Amino acid sequence: MRKWIGFALGLMISINSFAQVKIHSHNDYVQKQPFLIAYNNKVDEMETDIFLVGDSILVAHSKKEINPSNTLYSLYLHPIAEAFKRHKDRVSDDKKYTFSLMIDVKENWNAVYPSLKKEIEKYGDIFNRNKQKYAIKIVISGSRPDHSTFNAFPKWLFFDGLPNVGYAKKDLERVATISDNFSAYSKWKGDGEIPNEDKDKLRKVIVQVHKLNKPIRFWGAPDTESCWKQLTALGADIINTNKIAESKKYFENEF
């Protein structure tokens, strides 16, 4: 009887997790059509890496990959603004659809922030979830300010948090998500089942993050259906993927 109850409870948790799963377009800018593939599939989060070069905010994974034509403006901010213009203060014809734009600052937050702030604020409430319910949420990852200063930044700006950080309540309010490296918990490559010992480690941090009432994402996890299924069954809220259409279809077909 106890085993059956445990199985049933686990199944309920699994179903609930799948129902709430969100899709994170990892390194979205390397897709064949940056922004558009993620947008057309209505993902919940798009991620882009940036460098500041002179006065320009450029999108690239590393300095050697920098292309002056790949600006944050041209790849993301302008298309988003155009979408809002087409749909009359919504990003889509689905009036409830919105997403987060995660900006991974690759180096020197203090140098990048003034230029980024100026660029984002040109668009008014389009990127201000504090003023407009369906605005695009800006979330900062990578190089970030000290977590004890999160609350001091403009209310449109949110941060990607880390586990095991003692956030003050006012700073935690500015944490949109908690993310961590999958390899810190498991070396599993995506075949078969995640080892039970690793599942315990993953489950422990997931529970810890949920106690903060925050969603959790694991980057660097195997990008396979088996991993998507097992992570969500464990309670992960966000699936980090480069396979946007495949993951979207998978979750729509599963639940």
C-alpha atoms as a PDB file:
ATOM      1  CA  MET A   1       0.000   0.000   0.000  1.00  0.00           C
ATOM      2  CA  ARG A   2       2.773   2.430   0.931  1.00  0.00           C
ATOM      3  CA  LYS A   3       4.558   1.706  -2.340  1.00  0.00           C
ATOM      4  CA  TRP A   4       1.357   2.350  -4.283  1.00  0.00           C
ATOM      5  CA  ILE A   5       0.747   5.633  -2.469  1.00  0.00           C
ATOM      6  CA  GLY A   6       4.332   6.677  -3.142  1.00  0.00           C
ATOM      7  CA  PHE A   7       3.984   5.788  -6.817  1.00  0.00           C
ATOM      8  CA  ALA A   8       0.698   7.688  -7.118  1.00  0.00           C
ATOM      9  CA  LEU A   9       2.142  10.749  -5.404  1.00  0.00           C
ATOM     10  CA  GLY A  10       5.176  10.659  -7.664  1.00  0.00           C
ATOM     11  CA  LEU A  11       2.944  10.389 -10.713  1.00  0.00           C
ATOM     12  CA  MET A  12       0.861  13.365  -9.591  1.00  0.00           C
ATOM     13  CA  ILE A  13       4.002  15.441  -9.070  1.00  0.00           C
ATOM     14  CA  SER A  14       5.299  14.396 -12.485  1.00  0.00           C
ATOM     15  CA  ILE A  15       2.059  15.332 -14.266  1.00  0.00           C
ATOM     16  CA  ASN A  16       1.933  18.655 -12.458  1.00  0.00           C
ATOM     17  CA  SER A  17       5.530  19.384 -13.470  1.00  0.00           C
ATOM     18  CA  PHE A  18       4.873  18.595 -17.129  1.00  0.00           C
ATOM     19  CA  ALA A  19       1.786  20.805 -17.119  1.00  0.00           C
ATOM     20  CA  GLN A  20       3.849  23.766 -15.978  1.00  0.00           C
ATOM     21  CA  VAL A  21       7.033  23.187 -17.963  1.00  0.00           C
ATOM     22  CA  LYS A  22       8.506  26.177 -19.775  1.00  0.00           C
ATOM     23  CA  ILE A  23      10.871  26.152 -22.736  1.00  0.00           C
ATOM     24  CA  HIS A  24      14.095  28.172 -22.682  1.00  0.00           C
ATOM     25  CA  SER A  25      15.716  28.806 -26.056  1.00  0.00           C
ATOM     26  CA  HIS A  26      19.372  28.412 -25.115  1.00  0.00           C
ATOM     27  CA  ASN A  27      21.797  30.601 -27.115  1.00  0.00           C
ATOM     28  CA  ASP A  28      18.869  31.585 -29.299  1.00  0.00           C
ATOM     29  CA  TYR A  29      21.058  33.746 -31.533  1.00  0.00           C
ATOM     30  CA  VAL A  30      22.722  30.652 -33.087  1.00  0.00           C
ATOM     31  CA  GLN A  31      19.404  29.381 -34.435  1.00  0.00           C
ATOM     32  CA  LYS A  32      18.923  29.548 -38.215  1.00  0.00           C
ATOM     33  CA  GLN A  33      16.461  32.352 -37.550  1.00  0.00           C
ATOM     34  CA  PRO A  34      17.275  34.041 -34.240  1.00  0.00           C
ATOM     35  CA  PHE A  35      14.182  35.271 -32.394  1.00  0.00           C
ATOM     36  CA  LEU A  36      11.739  34.133 -35.098  1.00  0.00           C
ATOM     37  CA  ILE A  37      11.896  30.366 -34.504  1.00  0.00           C
ATOM     38  CA  ALA A  38      11.528  30.864 -30.758  1.00  0.00           C
ATOM     39  CA  TYR A  39       8.808  33.468 -31.239  1.00  0.00           C
ATOM     40  CA  ASN A  40       6.805  31.357 -33.690  1.00  0.00           C
ATOM     41  CA  ASN A  41       6.980  28.428 -31.271  1.00  0.00           C
ATOM     42  CA  LYS A  42       5.953  30.688 -28.389  1.00  0.00           C
ATOM     43  CA  VAL A  43       8.788  29.745 -26.088  1.00  0.00           C
ATOM     44  CA  ASP A  44       8.807  31.147 -22.570  1.00  0.00           C
ATOM     45  CA  GLU A  45      12.395  32.381 -22.544  1.00  0.00           C
ATOM     46  CA  MET A  46      14.960  33.430 -25.155  1.00  0.00           C
ATOM     47  CA  GLU A  47      18.618  33.714 -24.244  1.00  0.00           C
ATOM     48  CA  THR A  48      21.215  35.919 -25.920  1.00  0.00           C
ATOM     49  CA  ASP A  49      24.855  36.597 -25.007  1.00  0.00           C
ATOM     50  CA  ILE A  50      26.212  40.127 -25.313  1.00  0.00           C
ATOM     51  CA  PHE A  51      29.444  42.113 -25.393  1.00  0.00           C
ATOM     52  CA  LEU A  52      29.887  45.863 -25.315  1.00  0.00           C
ATOM     53  CA  VAL A  53      32.113  47.036 -28.170  1.00  0.00           C
ATOM     54  CA  GLY A  54      32.483  50.785 -28.165  1.00  0.00           C
ATOM     55  CA  ASP A  55      28.918  52.048 -27.879  1.00  0.00           C
ATOM     56  CA  SER A  56      27.387  48.976 -29.474  1.00  0.00           C
ATOM     57  CA  ILE A  57      25.840  46.015 -27.697  1.00  0.00           C
ATOM     58  CA  LEU A  58      26.757  43.017 -29.846  1.00  0.00           C
ATOM     59  CA  VAL A  59      25.437  39.475 -29.689  1.00  0.00           C
ATOM     60  CA  ALA A  60      28.034  36.682 -29.633  1.00  0.00           C
ATOM     61  CA  HIS A  61      29.165  33.717 -27.544  1.00  0.00           C
ATOM     62  CA  SER A  62      32.806  34.755 -27.516  1.00  0.00           C
ATOM     63  CA  LYS A  63      34.902  37.711 -28.649  1.00  0.00           C
ATOM     64  CA  LYS A  64      36.245  35.855 -31.678  1.00  0.00           C
ATOM     65  CA  GLU A  65      32.673  35.343 -32.923  1.00  0.00           C
ATOM     66  CA  ILE A  66      31.715  39.011 -32.769  1.00  0.00           C
ATOM     67  CA  ASN A  67      30.069  40.338 -35.929  1.00  0.00           C
ATOM     68  CA  PRO A  68      29.334  44.104 -35.907  1.00  0.00           C
ATOM     69  CA  SER A  69      26.024  43.516 -37.707  1.00  0.00           C
ATOM     70  CA  ASN A  70      24.690  41.232 -34.966  1.00  0.00           C
ATOM     71  CA  THR A  71      23.465  43.825 -32.520  1.00  0.00           C
ATOM     72  CA  LEU A  72      21.038  43.318 -29.668  1.00  0.00           C
ATOM     73  CA  TYR A  73      18.880  45.911 -31.406  1.00  0.00           C
ATOM     74  CA  SER A  74      18.717  44.190 -34.794  1.00  0.00           C
ATOM     75  CA  LEU A  75      18.301  40.615 -33.543  1.00  0.00           C
ATOM     76  CA  TYR A  76      15.917  41.160 -30.624  1.00  0.00           C
ATOM     77  CA  LEU A  77      14.879  44.636 -29.543  1.00  0.00           C
ATOM     78  CA  HIS A  78      13.703  45.893 -32.935  1.00  0.00           C
ATOM     79  CA  PRO A  79      11.787  42.701 -33.880  1.00  0.00           C
ATOM     80  CA  ILE A  80      10.099  42.731 -30.484  1.00  0.00           C
ATOM     81  CA  ALA A  81       9.142  46.395 -30.861  1.00  0.00           C
ATOM     82  CA  GLU A  82       7.761  45.704 -34.345  1.00  0.00           C
ATOM     83  CA  ALA A  83       5.696  42.824 -32.977  1.00  0.00           C
ATOM     84  CA  PHE A  84       4.213  45.118 -30.334  1.00  0.00           C
ATOM     85  CA  LYS A  85       3.382  47.643 -33.026  1.00  0.00           C
ATOM     86  CA  ARG A  86       1.621  45.013 -35.173  1.00  0.00           C
ATOM     87  CA  HIS A  87      -0.386  43.582 -32.317  1.00  0.00           C
ATOM     88  CA  LYS A  88      -1.338  46.812 -30.572  1.00  0.00           C
ATOM     89  CA  ASP A  89       0.655  46.694 -27.338  1.00  0.00           C
ATOM     90  CA  ARG A  90       0.951  42.908 -27.280  1.00  0.00           C
ATOM     91  CA  VAL A  91       3.818  40.832 -28.613  1.00  0.00           C
ATOM     92  CA  SER A  92       1.503  38.357 -30.358  1.00  0.00           C
ATOM     93  CA  ASP A  93      -2.016  37.830 -31.645  1.00  0.00           C
ATOM     94  CA  ASP A  94      -2.289  35.503 -28.651  1.00  0.00           C
ATOM     95  CA  LYS A  95      -2.997  38.278 -26.197  1.00  0.00           C
ATOM     96  CA  LYS A  96      -1.843  36.280 -23.179  1.00  0.00           C
ATOM     97  CA  TYR A  97       1.503  35.317 -24.690  1.00  0.00           C
ATOM     98  CA  THR A  98       4.677  36.947 -23.475  1.00  0.00           C
ATOM     99  CA  PHE A  99       8.214  35.800 -22.717  1.00  0.00           C
ATOM    100  CA  SER A 100      11.429  36.645 -20.943  1.00  0.00           C
ATOM    101  CA  LEU A 101      14.521  37.849 -22.764  1.00  0.00           C
ATOM    102  CA  MET A 102      17.502  36.553 -20.822  1.00  0.00           C
ATOM    103  CA  ILE A 103      20.575  38.649 -21.522  1.00  0.00           C
ATOM    104  CA  ASP A 104      23.803  36.875 -20.619  1.00  0.00           C
ATOM    105  CA  VAL A 105      26.411  39.574 -20.047  1.00  0.00           C
ATOM    106  CA  LYS A 106      29.684  37.949 -21.033  1.00  0.00           C
ATOM    107  CA  GLU A 107      31.972  40.408 -19.289  1.00  0.00           C
ATOM    108  CA  ASN A 108      32.093  43.485 -17.048  1.00  0.00           C
ATOM    109  CA  TRP A 109      28.544  44.220 -15.891  1.00  0.00           C
ATOM    110  CA  ASN A 110      29.495  47.687 -14.664  1.00  0.00           C
ATOM    111  CA  ALA A 111      30.703  48.692 -18.121  1.00  0.00           C
ATOM    112  CA  VAL A 112      27.743  47.170 -19.970  1.00  0.00           C
ATOM    113  CA  TYR A 113      24.887  48.295 -17.731  1.00  0.00           C
ATOM    114  CA  PRO A 114      24.724  52.038 -18.626  1.00  0.00           C
ATOM    115  CA  SER A 115      24.532  51.265 -22.350  1.00  0.00           C
ATOM    116  CA  LEU A 116      22.050  48.443 -21.827  1.00  0.00           C
ATOM    117  CA  LYS A 117      19.819  50.583 -19.618  1.00  0.00           C
ATOM    118  CA  LYS A 118      19.798  53.374 -22.182  1.00  0.00           C
ATOM    119  CA  GLU A 119      18.969  50.961 -25.012  1.00  0.00           C
ATOM    120  CA  ILE A 120      16.138  49.179 -23.202  1.00  0.00           C
ATOM    121  CA  GLU A 121      14.498  52.322 -21.855  1.00  0.00           C
ATOM    122  CA  LYS A 122      14.121  53.725 -25.370  1.00  0.00           C
ATOM    123  CA  TYR A 123      11.170  51.367 -25.744  1.00  0.00           C
ATOM    124  CA  GLY A 124       9.156  52.527 -22.761  1.00  0.00           C
ATOM    125  CA  ASP A 125       6.762  49.972 -21.314  1.00  0.00           C
ATOM    126  CA  ILE A 126       7.466  47.254 -23.892  1.00  0.00           C
ATOM    127  CA  PHE A 127      10.135  45.901 -21.551  1.00  0.00           C
ATOM    128  CA  ASN A 128       8.572  46.976 -18.273  1.00  0.00           C
ATOM    129  CA  ARG A 129       6.608  44.090 -16.741  1.00  0.00           C
ATOM    130  CA  ASN A 130       6.083  46.309 -13.687  1.00  0.00           C
ATOM    131  CA  LYS A 131       3.843  48.606 -15.755  1.00  0.00           C
ATOM    132  CA  GLN A 132       2.476  46.310 -18.425  1.00  0.00           C
ATOM    133  CA  LYS A 133       1.370  42.762 -17.578  1.00  0.00           C
ATOM    134  CA  TYR A 134       2.382  41.277 -20.925  1.00  0.00           C
ATOM    135  CA  ALA A 135       5.576  43.232 -21.433  1.00  0.00           C
ATOM    136  CA  ILE A 136       8.783  41.346 -22.183  1.00  0.00           C
ATOM    137  CA  LYS A 137      10.700  40.619 -18.986  1.00  0.00           C
ATOM    138  CA  ILE A 138      14.418  41.420 -19.109  1.00  0.00           C
ATOM    139  CA  VAL A 139      16.467  38.939 -17.061  1.00  0.00           C
ATOM    140  CA  ILE A 140      20.214  39.339 -16.561  1.00  0.00           C
ATOM    141  CA  SER A 141      22.526  36.341 -16.393  1.00  0.00           C
ATOM    142  CA  GLY A 142      26.294  35.918 -16.636  1.00  0.00           C
ATOM    143  CA  SER A 143      28.142  38.915 -15.229  1.00  0.00           C
ATOM    144  CA  ARG A 144      25.794  40.428 -12.648  1.00  0.00           C
ATOM    145  CA  PRO A 145      26.013  42.944  -9.822  1.00  0.00           C
ATOM    146  CA  ASP A 146      26.271  41.736  -6.245  1.00  0.00           C
ATOM    147  CA  HIS A 147      22.971  40.101  -5.281  1.00  0.00           C
ATOM    148  CA  SER A 148      22.592  42.459  -2.323  1.00  0.00           C
ATOM    149  CA  THR A 149      22.092  45.335  -4.818  1.00  0.00           C
ATOM    150  CA  PHE A 150      19.410  43.722  -7.015  1.00  0.00           C
ATOM    151  CA  ASN A 151      16.653  45.767  -5.403  1.00  0.00           C
ATOM    152  CA  ALA A 152      18.398  49.042  -6.275  1.00  0.00           C
ATOM    153  CA  PHE A 153      18.024  48.605 -10.041  1.00  0.00           C
ATOM    154  CA  PRO A 154      15.064  49.821 -12.135  1.00  0.00           C
ATOM    155  CA  LYS A 155      11.950  47.748 -11.581  1.00  0.00           C
ATOM    156  CA  TRP A 156      11.925  46.490 -15.171  1.00  0.00           C
ATOM    157  CA  LEU A 157      15.212  44.672 -14.574  1.00  0.00           C
ATOM    158  CA  PHE A 158      15.309  41.130 -13.162  1.00  0.00           C
ATOM    159  CA  PHE A 159      18.100  38.632 -12.551  1.00  0.00           C
ATOM    160  CA  ASP A 160      18.863  34.963 -13.050  1.00  0.00           C
ATOM    161  CA  GLY A 161      19.706  33.706  -9.575  1.00  0.00           C
ATOM    162  CA  LEU A 162      21.920  30.950  -8.233  1.00  0.00           C
ATOM    163  CA  PRO A 163      21.138  28.221  -5.686  1.00  0.00           C
ATOM    164  CA  ASN A 164      22.658  28.351  -2.210  1.00  0.00           C
ATOM    165  CA  VAL A 165      22.670  32.152  -2.104  1.00  0.00           C
ATOM    166  CA  GLY A 166      21.139  33.832   0.915  1.00  0.00           C
ATOM    167  CA  TYR A 167      19.022  36.463  -0.830  1.00  0.00           C
ATOM    168  CA  ALA A 168      17.428  39.164   1.246  1.00  0.00           C
ATOM    169  CA  LYS A 169      13.662  39.340   0.703  1.00  0.00           C
ATOM    170  CA  LYS A 170      13.813  42.615  -1.246  1.00  0.00           C
ATOM    171  CA  ASP A 171      16.529  41.231  -3.549  1.00  0.00           C
ATOM    172  CA  LEU A 172      14.797  37.875  -4.002  1.00  0.00           C
ATOM    173  CA  GLU A 173      11.819  39.759  -5.417  1.00  0.00           C
ATOM    174  CA  ARG A 174      14.055  40.708  -8.347  1.00  0.00           C
ATOM    175  CA  VAL A 175      15.135  37.127  -9.025  1.00  0.00           C
ATOM    176  CA  ALA A 176      13.126  35.744 -11.944  1.00  0.00           C
ATOM    177  CA  THR A 177      14.645  32.270 -12.089  1.00  0.00           C
ATOM    178  CA  ILE A 178      17.304  30.123 -10.449  1.00  0.00           C
ATOM    179  CA  SER A 179      19.726  28.394 -12.829  1.00  0.00           C
ATOM    180  CA  ASP A 180      22.616  26.002 -12.381  1.00  0.00           C
ATOM    181  CA  ASN A 181      24.964  23.751 -14.323  1.00  0.00           C
ATOM    182  CA  PHE A 182      23.556  20.233 -14.703  1.00  0.00           C
ATOM    183  CA  SER A 183      27.079  18.792 -14.518  1.00  0.00           C
ATOM    184  CA  ALA A 184      27.351  20.017 -10.919  1.00  0.00           C
ATOM    185  CA  TYR A 185      24.835  17.297 -10.067  1.00  0.00           C
ATOM    186  CA  SER A 186      25.324  14.600 -12.686  1.00  0.00           C
ATOM    187  CA  LYS A 187      27.684  13.404 -15.423  1.00  0.00           C
ATOM    188  CA  TRP A 188      24.852  11.462 -17.086  1.00  0.00           C
ATOM    189  CA  LYS A 189      24.984  11.748 -20.890  1.00  0.00           C
ATOM    190  CA  GLY A 190      21.326  11.245 -21.692  1.00  0.00           C
ATOM    191  CA  ASP A 191      21.119   7.482 -22.256  1.00  0.00           C
ATOM    192  CA  GLY A 192      18.789   5.391 -20.097  1.00  0.00           C
ATOM    193  CA  GLU A 193      17.919   6.726 -16.658  1.00  0.00           C
ATOM    194  CA  ILE A 194      19.602   9.403 -14.602  1.00  0.00           C
ATOM    195  CA  PRO A 195      21.406   7.504 -11.797  1.00  0.00           C
ATOM    196  CA  ASN A 196      19.372   7.452  -8.573  1.00  0.00           C
ATOM    197  CA  GLU A 197      22.144   9.151  -6.613  1.00  0.00           C
ATOM    198  CA  ASP A 198      22.134  12.008  -9.124  1.00  0.00           C
ATOM    199  CA  LYS A 199      18.339  12.195  -9.031  1.00  0.00           C
ATOM    200  CA  ASP A 200      18.550  12.720  -5.296  1.00  0.00           C
ATOM    201  CA  LYS A 201      20.992  15.599  -5.775  1.00  0.00           C
ATOM    202  CA  LEU A 202      18.817  17.201  -8.426  1.00  0.00           C
ATOM    203  CA  ARG A 203      15.637  16.714  -6.413  1.00  0.00           C
ATOM    204  CA  LYS A 204      17.247  18.285  -3.346  1.00  0.00           C
ATOM    205  CA  VAL A 205      18.173  21.521  -5.120  1.00  0.00           C
ATOM    206  CA  ILE A 206      14.804  21.634  -6.904  1.00  0.00           C
ATOM    207  CA  VAL A 207      12.982  21.427  -3.563  1.00  0.00           C
ATOM    208  CA  GLN A 208      15.313  24.069  -2.130  1.00  0.00           C
ATOM    209  CA  VAL A 209      14.546  26.477  -4.985  1.00  0.00           C
ATOM    210  CA  HIS A 210      10.813  25.806  -4.848  1.00  0.00           C
ATOM    211  CA  LYS A 211      10.825  26.758  -1.176  1.00  0.00           C
ATOM    212  CA  LEU A 212      11.860  30.204  -2.412  1.00  0.00           C
ATOM    213  CA  ASN A 213       8.867  30.093  -4.769  1.00  0.00           C
ATOM    214  CA  LYS A 214      11.165  30.337  -7.798  1.00  0.00           C
ATOM    215  CA  PRO A 215      11.396  28.222 -10.963  1.00  0.00           C
ATOM    216  CA  ILE A 216      14.610  26.299 -11.670  1.00  0.00           C
ATOM    217  CA  ARG A 217      16.524  25.612 -14.895  1.00  0.00           C
ATOM    218  CA  PHE A 218      19.527  23.372 -15.489  1.00  0.00           C
ATOM    219  CA  TRP A 219      21.816  24.444 -18.304  1.00  0.00           C
ATOM    220  CA  GLY A 220      24.262  22.025 -19.879  1.00  0.00           C
ATOM    221  CA  ALA A 221      21.889  19.061 -19.473  1.00  0.00           C
ATOM    222  CA  PRO A 222      21.633  16.472 -22.271  1.00  0.00           C
ATOM    223  CA  ASP A 223      19.282  17.916 -24.876  1.00  0.00           C
ATOM    224  CA  THR A 224      17.215  14.760 -25.353  1.00  0.00           C
ATOM    225  CA  GLU A 225      13.620  13.687 -24.860  1.00  0.00           C
ATOM    226  CA  SER A 226      14.739  11.323 -22.104  1.00  0.00           C
ATOM    227  CA  CYS A 227      16.363  14.169 -20.194  1.00  0.00           C
ATOM    228  CA  TRP A 228      13.446  16.552 -20.744  1.00  0.00           C
ATOM    229  CA  LYS A 229      11.096  13.917 -19.361  1.00  0.00           C
ATOM    230  CA  GLN A 230      13.220  12.970 -16.365  1.00  0.00           C
ATOM    231  CA  LEU A 231      14.042  16.541 -15.338  1.00  0.00           C
ATOM    232  CA  THR A 232      10.410  17.615 -15.432  1.00  0.00           C
ATOM    233  CA  ALA A 233       9.422  14.467 -13.541  1.00  0.00           C
ATOM    234  CA  LEU A 234      11.880  15.524 -10.847  1.00  0.00           C
ATOM    235  CA  GLY A 235      10.227  18.942 -10.702  1.00  0.00           C
ATOM    236  CA  ALA A 236      12.389  21.162 -12.941  1.00  0.00           C
ATOM    237  CA  ASP A 237      10.248  24.018 -14.222  1.00  0.00           C
ATOM    238  CA  ILE A 238      12.215  25.154 -17.271  1.00  0.00           C
ATOM    239  CA  ILE A 239      13.765  23.042 -20.008  1.00  0.00           C
ATOM    240  CA  ASN A 240      16.970  24.435 -21.466  1.00  0.00           C
ATOM    241  CA  THR A 241      17.125  23.455 -25.135  1.00  0.00           C
ATOM    242  CA  ASN A 242      18.564  24.196 -28.558  1.00  0.00           C
ATOM    243  CA  LYS A 243      15.813  22.035 -30.119  1.00  0.00           C
ATOM    244  CA  ILE A 244      12.973  24.519 -29.955  1.00  0.00           C
ATOM    245  CA  ALA A 245      10.427  22.978 -32.317  1.00  0.00           C
ATOM    246  CA  GLU A 246      11.185  19.427 -31.178  1.00  0.00           C
ATOM    247  CA  SER A 247      10.798  20.208 -27.491  1.00  0.00           C
ATOM    248  CA  LYS A 248       7.636  22.232 -28.058  1.00  0.00           C
ATOM    249  CA  LYS A 249       6.080  19.375 -30.035  1.00  0.00           C
ATOM    250  CA  TYR A 250       7.225  16.809 -27.480  1.00  0.00           C
ATOM    251  CA  PHE A 251       5.522  18.513 -24.542  1.00  0.00           C
ATOM    252  CA  GLU A 252       2.386  19.306 -26.508  1.00  0.00           C
ATOM    253  CA  ASN A 253       2.063  15.645 -27.487  1.00  0.00           C
ATOM    254  CA  GLU A 254       2.892  14.294 -24.036  1.00  0.00           C
ATOM    255  CA  PHE A 255       0.413  16.405 -22.111  1.00  0.00           C
END
